[in-house]
């Protein structure tokens, strides 16, 4: 399994609420396109102006295929542009984790 984490840093409280709404819209679009939908998390302690969207993929091929489809999808790209308007200016940050296996 592969887990993608996308860190989102809204500038304001209104931006926070808009980011949650946009994430919900992206999830609805993902379901309609048969893409993986995500779960959003906020830190219980730590940076209070960050939330993380997590997406679980069964394999790397699915992750790659869906990301290529999303980047070519006009509606998805429009949603990503809306995120740009509400985020603080800092480098985009995402992670891709995989299930840990025993070695040897």
Protein backbone atom coordinates (compact mmCIF):
# COMPACT_ATOMS: atom_id res chain seq x y z
CA UNK A 1 0.00 0.00 0.00
CA UNK A 2 1.10 3.57 -0.67
CA UNK A 3 -0.10 6.57 1.33
CA UNK A 4 0.15 10.09 -0.03
CA UNK A 5 0.11 12.98 2.42
CA UNK A 6 -0.47 16.51 1.18
CA UNK A 7 0.17 19.30 3.70
CA UNK A 8 -2.06 22.35 3.35
CA UNK A 9 -1.36 25.67 5.10
CA UNK A 10 -4.30 28.10 4.95
CA UNK A 11 -3.53 31.79 5.61
CA UNK A 12 -6.66 32.61 7.63
CA UNK A 13 -9.56 30.98 9.46
CA UNK A 14 -11.76 31.70 6.44
CA UNK A 15 -9.06 30.09 4.31
CA UNK A 16 -9.11 27.07 6.61
CA UNK A 17 -12.86 26.66 6.15
CA UNK A 18 -12.51 27.13 2.40
CA UNK A 19 -9.73 24.51 2.26
CA UNK A 20 -11.94 21.99 4.09
CA UNK A 21 -14.77 22.77 1.63
CA UNK A 22 -12.43 22.42 -1.37
CA UNK A 23 -11.14 19.10 -0.05
CA UNK A 24 -14.73 17.88 0.20
CA UNK A 25 -15.37 19.01 -3.39
CA UNK A 26 -12.21 17.23 -4.54
CA UNK A 27 -13.32 14.05 -2.77
CA UNK A 28 -16.72 14.20 -4.49
CA UNK A 29 -15.02 14.70 -7.85
CA UNK A 30 -12.66 11.81 -7.07
CA UNK A 31 -15.55 9.47 -6.32
CA UNK A 32 -17.29 10.48 -9.56
CA UNK A 33 -14.07 9.77 -11.53
CA UNK A 34 -13.33 6.51 -9.64
CA UNK A 35 -10.19 8.03 -8.10
CA UNK A 36 -9.04 7.54 -4.54
CA UNK A 37 -10.72 9.92 -2.10
CA UNK A 38 -8.88 11.30 0.90
CA UNK A 39 -9.23 11.95 4.59
CA UNK A 40 -8.23 15.26 6.14
CA UNK A 41 -6.47 15.52 9.47
CA UNK A 42 -5.45 18.41 11.68
CA UNK A 43 -2.79 18.34 14.35
CA UNK A 44 -4.03 17.93 17.89
CA UNK A 45 -0.97 19.87 19.05
CA UNK A 46 1.67 21.67 16.99
CA UNK A 47 1.13 23.96 14.02
CA UNK A 48 -2.51 25.00 14.28
CA UNK A 49 -2.68 26.35 10.76
CA UNK A 50 -1.92 23.12 8.92
CA UNK A 51 -3.98 20.18 7.88
CA UNK A 52 -3.01 17.03 6.06
CA UNK A 53 -4.96 15.23 3.37
CA UNK A 54 -4.16 11.50 3.17
CA UNK A 55 -4.88 9.21 0.25
CA UNK A 56 -4.32 5.43 0.35
CA UNK A 57 -3.45 3.64 -2.88
CA UNK A 58 -3.23 -0.14 -3.29
CA UNK A 59 -0.05 0.12 -5.38
CA UNK A 60 2.35 2.57 -7.03
CA UNK A 61 0.81 2.06 -10.48
CA UNK A 62 -2.60 3.23 -9.21
CA UNK A 63 -0.99 6.27 -7.56
CA UNK A 64 0.79 7.20 -10.80
CA UNK A 65 -2.23 6.62 -13.04
CA UNK A 66 -4.62 8.62 -10.87
CA UNK A 67 -2.19 11.51 -10.46
CA UNK A 68 -1.68 11.69 -14.23
CA UNK A 69 -5.46 11.67 -14.76
CA UNK A 70 -5.98 14.37 -12.12
CA UNK A 71 -3.37 16.66 -13.70
CA UNK A 72 -5.18 16.37 -17.04
CA UNK A 73 -8.66 16.90 -15.57
CA UNK A 74 -9.93 20.46 -16.00
CA UNK A 75 -12.23 20.40 -12.94
CA UNK A 76 -9.52 18.98 -10.66
CA UNK A 77 -6.99 21.57 -11.80
CA UNK A 78 -9.52 24.37 -11.17
CA UNK A 79 -9.91 23.12 -7.58
CA UNK A 80 -6.11 23.04 -7.10
CA UNK A 81 -5.90 26.65 -8.29
CA UNK A 82 -8.45 27.64 -5.63
CA UNK A 83 -6.15 26.12 -2.98
CA UNK A 84 -3.34 28.39 -4.18
CA UNK A 85 -5.44 31.47 -3.41
CA UNK A 86 -5.99 30.54 0.24
CA UNK A 87 -2.64 29.05 1.22
CA UNK A 88 0.26 30.79 2.90
CA UNK A 89 3.27 31.29 0.68
CA UNK A 90 5.47 28.36 1.47
CA UNK A 91 6.77 25.49 -0.62
CA UNK A 92 4.27 22.76 -1.38
CA UNK A 93 4.90 19.71 0.75
CA UNK A 94 3.73 16.17 0.14
CA UNK A 95 4.92 12.71 1.08
CA UNK A 96 4.52 9.23 -0.36
CA UNK A 97 4.87 6.41 2.16
CA UNK A 98 4.77 2.68 1.59
CA UNK A 99 4.00 -0.27 3.83
CA UNK A 100 7.09 -1.34 5.77
CA UNK A 101 8.31 -4.86 5.07
CA UNK A 102 10.76 -7.08 6.90
CA UNK A 103 14.22 -7.21 5.35
CA UNK A 104 15.93 -10.47 4.40
